[in-house]
Amino acid sequence: MYVVTCMLEGSTIAYRLHAIDITTGQEPYGPGVLISGNYGGATFDARYVVQRVSLVLAGGQVIVAFGAMEAEYAKNYAGWVIAYNKTSLQQSGIFATVTTT
């Protein structure tokens, strides 16, 4: 099972992707990976996004999507789609919609 958590790490908001073995409750690939990245001049900033859709498991990838939140405080609106390898939890793809206004 794959889940995304949002929590304070120190004083920083962070999203993490976790893989959990439903028979043991353990994380077989280690602790969750920090969701981060850059695309098209935009940098993923957990302070201004919300995970708005379910996770998708397709082609050996776990796909996570985020939409902008309170973007008047951010420089640009951006929606994010980020893919991770389902067994290593290494990031395998990233895309952001970036506005030019």
N, C-alpha and C. Protein backbone atom coordinates (compact mmCIF):
# COMPACT_ATOMS: atom_id res chain seq x y z
N MET A 1 0.85 -1.15 0.00
CA MET A 1 0.00 0.00 0.00
C MET A 1 0.91 1.23 0.00
N TYR A 2 0.50 2.25 -0.73
CA TYR A 2 1.27 3.49 -0.80
C TYR A 2 0.43 4.62 -0.22
N VAL A 3 1.07 5.47 0.57
CA VAL A 3 0.39 6.62 1.16
C VAL A 3 1.31 7.83 1.12
N VAL A 4 0.69 9.00 1.11
CA VAL A 4 1.44 10.25 1.21
C VAL A 4 1.09 10.89 2.54
N THR A 5 2.11 11.33 3.26
CA THR A 5 1.90 12.04 4.51
C THR A 5 2.32 13.49 4.34
N CYS A 6 1.69 14.35 5.11
CA CYS A 6 2.07 15.76 5.17
C CYS A 6 2.27 16.08 6.64
N MET A 7 3.45 16.59 6.98
CA MET A 7 3.73 16.86 8.38
C MET A 7 4.76 17.98 8.52
N LEU A 8 4.89 18.46 9.73
CA LEU A 8 5.95 19.41 10.03
C LEU A 8 7.20 18.64 10.37
N GLU A 9 8.29 18.98 9.71
CA GLU A 9 9.59 18.42 10.04
C GLU A 9 10.43 19.59 10.53
N GLY A 10 10.55 19.71 11.85
CA GLY A 10 11.11 20.92 12.42
C GLY A 10 10.07 22.01 12.23
N SER A 11 10.42 23.04 11.48
CA SER A 11 9.46 24.10 11.18
C SER A 11 9.08 24.12 9.70
N THR A 12 9.40 23.03 8.97
CA THR A 12 9.16 22.95 7.54
C THR A 12 8.05 21.96 7.23
N ILE A 13 7.09 22.36 6.37
CA ILE A 13 6.06 21.44 5.91
C ILE A 13 6.68 20.51 4.87
N ALA A 14 6.40 19.22 4.99
CA ALA A 14 6.98 18.25 4.06
C ALA A 14 5.96 17.18 3.71
N TYR A 15 5.95 16.76 2.44
CA TYR A 15 5.19 15.61 1.99
C TYR A 15 6.17 14.46 1.80
N ARG A 16 5.75 13.26 2.20
CA ARG A 16 6.56 12.06 2.00
C ARG A 16 5.69 10.94 1.42
N LEU A 17 6.29 10.16 0.52
CA LEU A 17 5.65 8.97 -0.03
C LEU A 17 6.15 7.77 0.74
N HIS A 18 5.22 6.93 1.21
CA HIS A 18 5.56 5.73 1.98
C HIS A 18 5.00 4.49 1.28
N ALA A 19 5.75 3.41 1.32
CA ALA A 19 5.26 2.09 0.90
C ALA A 19 5.11 1.27 2.17
N ILE A 20 3.94 0.66 2.36
CA ILE A 20 3.67 -0.10 3.58
C ILE A 20 3.21 -1.50 3.21
N ASP A 21 3.85 -2.51 3.81
CA ASP A 21 3.44 -3.90 3.64
C ASP A 21 2.20 -4.10 4.51
N ILE A 22 1.05 -4.38 3.90
CA ILE A 22 -0.19 -4.45 4.67
C ILE A 22 -0.26 -5.69 5.57
N THR A 23 0.61 -6.67 5.36
CA THR A 23 0.58 -7.85 6.23
C THR A 23 1.40 -7.65 7.49
N THR A 24 2.38 -6.73 7.47
CA THR A 24 3.24 -6.53 8.64
C THR A 24 3.18 -5.10 9.19
N GLY A 25 2.72 -4.16 8.37
CA GLY A 25 2.72 -2.76 8.78
C GLY A 25 4.09 -2.11 8.64
N GLN A 26 5.07 -2.84 8.14
CA GLN A 26 6.42 -2.32 7.99
C GLN A 26 6.60 -1.61 6.65
N GLU A 27 7.62 -0.76 6.59
CA GLU A 27 7.98 -0.08 5.34
C GLU A 27 9.16 -0.83 4.72
N PRO A 28 8.90 -1.71 3.74
CA PRO A 28 9.96 -2.58 3.20
C PRO A 28 11.07 -1.84 2.47
N TYR A 29 10.82 -0.63 2.00
CA TYR A 29 11.84 0.10 1.25
C TYR A 29 12.43 1.24 2.07
N GLY A 30 12.27 1.16 3.38
CA GLY A 30 12.80 2.19 4.26
C GLY A 30 11.76 3.27 4.51
N PRO A 31 12.17 4.28 5.27
CA PRO A 31 11.22 5.35 5.58
C PRO A 31 10.80 6.10 4.32
N GLY A 32 9.69 6.75 4.40
CA GLY A 32 9.17 7.47 3.24
C GLY A 32 10.17 8.43 2.63
N VAL A 33 10.02 8.66 1.33
CA VAL A 33 10.91 9.58 0.62
C VAL A 33 10.27 10.97 0.55
N LEU A 34 11.10 11.98 0.69
CA LEU A 34 10.65 13.36 0.59
C LEU A 34 10.21 13.65 -0.84
N ILE A 35 9.03 14.21 -0.99
CA ILE A 35 8.53 14.60 -2.31
C ILE A 35 9.07 15.99 -2.60
N SER A 36 9.84 16.09 -3.68
CA SER A 36 10.47 17.36 -4.03
C SER A 36 10.80 17.34 -5.51
N GLY A 37 11.23 18.47 -6.03
CA GLY A 37 11.68 18.49 -7.41
C GLY A 37 11.53 19.86 -8.05
N ASN A 38 12.01 19.94 -9.28
CA ASN A 38 11.98 21.15 -10.09
C ASN A 38 11.52 20.79 -11.49
N TYR A 39 10.81 21.74 -12.10
CA TYR A 39 10.40 21.54 -13.49
C TYR A 39 10.08 22.90 -14.10
N GLY A 40 10.58 23.16 -15.28
CA GLY A 40 10.23 24.36 -16.04
C GLY A 40 10.44 25.65 -15.28
N GLY A 41 11.44 25.69 -14.43
CA GLY A 41 11.73 26.89 -13.66
C GLY A 41 10.97 26.98 -12.34
N ALA A 42 10.08 26.04 -12.08
CA ALA A 42 9.33 26.02 -10.82
C ALA A 42 9.95 24.99 -9.87
N THR A 43 9.87 25.28 -8.59
CA THR A 43 10.35 24.36 -7.56
C THR A 43 9.16 23.94 -6.71
N PHE A 44 9.04 22.63 -6.48
CA PHE A 44 7.96 22.10 -5.64
C PHE A 44 8.13 22.68 -4.24
N ASP A 45 7.08 23.32 -3.73
CA ASP A 45 7.12 23.92 -2.41
C ASP A 45 5.88 23.46 -1.64
N ALA A 46 6.09 22.59 -0.67
CA ALA A 46 4.99 21.98 0.07
C ALA A 46 4.11 23.00 0.78
N ARG A 47 4.60 24.21 1.01
CA ARG A 47 3.79 25.23 1.67
C ARG A 47 2.62 25.68 0.83
N TYR A 48 2.71 25.52 -0.50
CA TYR A 48 1.70 26.09 -1.38
C TYR A 48 0.95 25.07 -2.22
N VAL A 49 1.02 23.79 -1.86
CA VAL A 49 0.32 22.77 -2.62
C VAL A 49 -0.46 21.85 -1.69
N VAL A 50 -1.46 21.19 -2.28
CA VAL A 50 -2.25 20.18 -1.58
C VAL A 50 -2.36 18.97 -2.49
N GLN A 51 -2.19 17.78 -1.91
CA GLN A 51 -2.41 16.57 -2.69
C GLN A 51 -3.91 16.48 -2.94
N ARG A 52 -4.31 16.60 -4.19
CA ARG A 52 -5.74 16.71 -4.49
C ARG A 52 -6.34 15.46 -5.12
N VAL A 53 -5.55 14.53 -5.54
CA VAL A 53 -6.09 13.33 -6.18
C VAL A 53 -5.51 12.08 -5.53
N SER A 54 -6.16 10.96 -5.80
CA SER A 54 -5.66 9.68 -5.29
C SER A 54 -4.33 9.33 -5.93
N LEU A 55 -3.60 8.46 -5.27
CA LEU A 55 -2.38 7.92 -5.87
C LEU A 55 -2.78 6.98 -7.00
N VAL A 56 -1.92 6.90 -8.00
CA VAL A 56 -2.14 5.99 -9.12
C VAL A 56 -0.95 5.05 -9.20
N LEU A 57 -1.22 3.76 -9.36
CA LEU A 57 -0.17 2.78 -9.57
C LEU A 57 -0.29 2.31 -11.02
N ALA A 58 0.69 2.65 -11.85
CA ALA A 58 0.63 2.32 -13.28
C ALA A 58 2.03 2.06 -13.81
N GLY A 59 2.19 0.94 -14.50
CA GLY A 59 3.47 0.65 -15.14
C GLY A 59 4.65 0.62 -14.19
N GLY A 60 4.45 0.14 -12.98
CA GLY A 60 5.54 0.08 -12.01
C GLY A 60 5.87 1.41 -11.36
N GLN A 61 4.99 2.40 -11.55
CA GLN A 61 5.21 3.74 -11.00
C GLN A 61 4.06 4.10 -10.06
N VAL A 62 4.41 4.80 -8.99
CA VAL A 62 3.40 5.41 -8.11
C VAL A 62 3.35 6.87 -8.51
N ILE A 63 2.17 7.34 -8.87
CA ILE A 63 2.03 8.70 -9.38
C ILE A 63 1.23 9.52 -8.36
N VAL A 64 1.79 10.67 -8.00
CA VAL A 64 1.21 11.58 -7.01
C VAL A 64 0.95 12.91 -7.70
N ALA A 65 -0.17 13.55 -7.39
CA ALA A 65 -0.47 14.85 -8.00
C ALA A 65 -0.85 15.86 -6.92
N PHE A 66 -0.50 17.11 -7.19
CA PHE A 66 -0.76 18.21 -6.26
C PHE A 66 -1.30 19.39 -7.04
N GLY A 67 -2.14 20.17 -6.39
CA GLY A 67 -2.64 21.41 -6.97
C GLY A 67 -2.23 22.58 -6.10
N ALA A 68 -2.23 23.77 -6.70
CA ALA A 68 -1.84 24.98 -5.99
C ALA A 68 -2.84 25.32 -4.89
N MET A 69 -2.32 25.92 -3.84
CA MET A 69 -3.14 26.39 -2.74
C MET A 69 -2.61 27.74 -2.29
N GLU A 70 -3.49 28.68 -2.09
CA GLU A 70 -3.09 30.00 -1.61
C GLU A 70 -1.94 30.56 -2.43
N ALA A 71 -2.07 30.45 -3.73
CA ALA A 71 -0.98 30.85 -4.62
C ALA A 71 -0.73 32.35 -4.62
N GLU A 72 -1.65 33.14 -4.02
CA GLU A 72 -1.37 34.57 -3.97
C GLU A 72 -0.12 34.85 -3.13
N TYR A 73 0.27 33.88 -2.29
CA TYR A 73 1.49 34.04 -1.50
C TYR A 73 2.71 33.48 -2.22
N ALA A 74 2.47 32.69 -3.23
CA ALA A 74 3.57 32.10 -4.00
C ALA A 74 3.85 32.97 -5.22
N LYS A 75 4.94 32.72 -5.88
CA LYS A 75 5.30 33.48 -7.08
C LYS A 75 4.44 33.07 -8.27
N ASN A 76 4.16 31.78 -8.41
CA ASN A 76 3.41 31.27 -9.56
C ASN A 76 2.47 30.16 -9.12
N TYR A 77 1.37 30.03 -9.87
CA TYR A 77 0.52 28.86 -9.69
C TYR A 77 1.22 27.68 -10.36
N ALA A 78 1.12 26.51 -9.75
CA ALA A 78 1.67 25.31 -10.39
C ALA A 78 0.92 24.08 -9.91
N GLY A 79 0.59 23.20 -10.85
CA GLY A 79 0.07 21.89 -10.53
C GLY A 79 1.20 20.90 -10.78
N TRP A 80 1.28 19.87 -9.98
CA TRP A 80 2.40 18.93 -10.06
C TRP A 80 1.92 17.50 -10.25
N VAL A 81 2.63 16.74 -11.10
CA VAL A 81 2.45 15.30 -11.23
C VAL A 81 3.86 14.72 -11.11
N ILE A 82 4.04 13.86 -10.12
CA ILE A 82 5.37 13.32 -9.84
C ILE A 82 5.27 11.80 -9.75
N ALA A 83 6.18 11.10 -10.42
CA ALA A 83 6.17 9.63 -10.45
C ALA A 83 7.37 9.08 -9.69
N TYR A 84 7.14 7.95 -9.01
CA TYR A 84 8.19 7.27 -8.24
C TYR A 84 8.16 5.78 -8.59
N ASN A 85 9.34 5.17 -8.68
CA ASN A 85 9.43 3.73 -8.90
C ASN A 85 8.79 3.02 -7.71
N LYS A 86 7.92 2.05 -7.98
CA LYS A 86 7.15 1.43 -6.91
C LYS A 86 7.98 0.57 -5.95
N THR A 87 9.15 0.11 -6.36
CA THR A 87 9.95 -0.71 -5.46
C THR A 87 11.12 0.01 -4.83
N SER A 88 11.64 1.02 -5.48
CA SER A 88 12.78 1.74 -4.89
C SER A 88 12.36 3.08 -4.29
N LEU A 89 11.18 3.56 -4.66
CA LEU A 89 10.67 4.88 -4.29
C LEU A 89 11.57 6.01 -4.78
N GLN A 90 12.36 5.73 -5.82
CA GLN A 90 13.16 6.79 -6.43
C GLN A 90 12.30 7.53 -7.45
N GLN A 91 12.45 8.86 -7.47
CA GLN A 91 11.68 9.66 -8.41
C GLN A 91 12.04 9.28 -9.84
N SER A 92 11.01 9.06 -10.66
CA SER A 92 11.25 8.63 -12.03
C SER A 92 10.69 9.62 -13.06
N GLY A 93 9.92 10.60 -12.60
CA GLY A 93 9.40 11.60 -13.52
C GLY A 93 8.76 12.74 -12.77
N ILE A 94 8.71 13.90 -13.42
CA ILE A 94 8.10 15.07 -12.80
C ILE A 94 7.58 16.00 -13.89
N PHE A 95 6.42 16.61 -13.61
CA PHE A 95 5.83 17.58 -14.53
C PHE A 95 5.09 18.63 -13.72
N ALA A 96 5.20 19.87 -14.11
CA ALA A 96 4.45 20.95 -13.46
C ALA A 96 3.82 21.84 -14.51
N THR A 97 2.61 22.29 -14.23
CA THR A 97 2.00 23.31 -15.06
C THR A 97 2.44 24.64 -14.45
N VAL A 98 3.07 25.45 -15.23
CA VAL A 98 3.64 26.70 -14.71
C VAL A 98 2.99 27.86 -15.44
N THR A 99 2.47 28.83 -14.69
CA THR A 99 1.86 29.99 -15.30
C THR A 99 2.94 31.02 -15.64
N THR A 100 2.60 31.92 -16.51
CA THR A 100 3.56 32.97 -16.89
C THR A 100 3.11 34.34 -16.43
N THR A 101 2.06 34.40 -15.60
CA THR A 101 1.57 35.70 -15.12
C THR A 101 2.15 36.04 -13.77
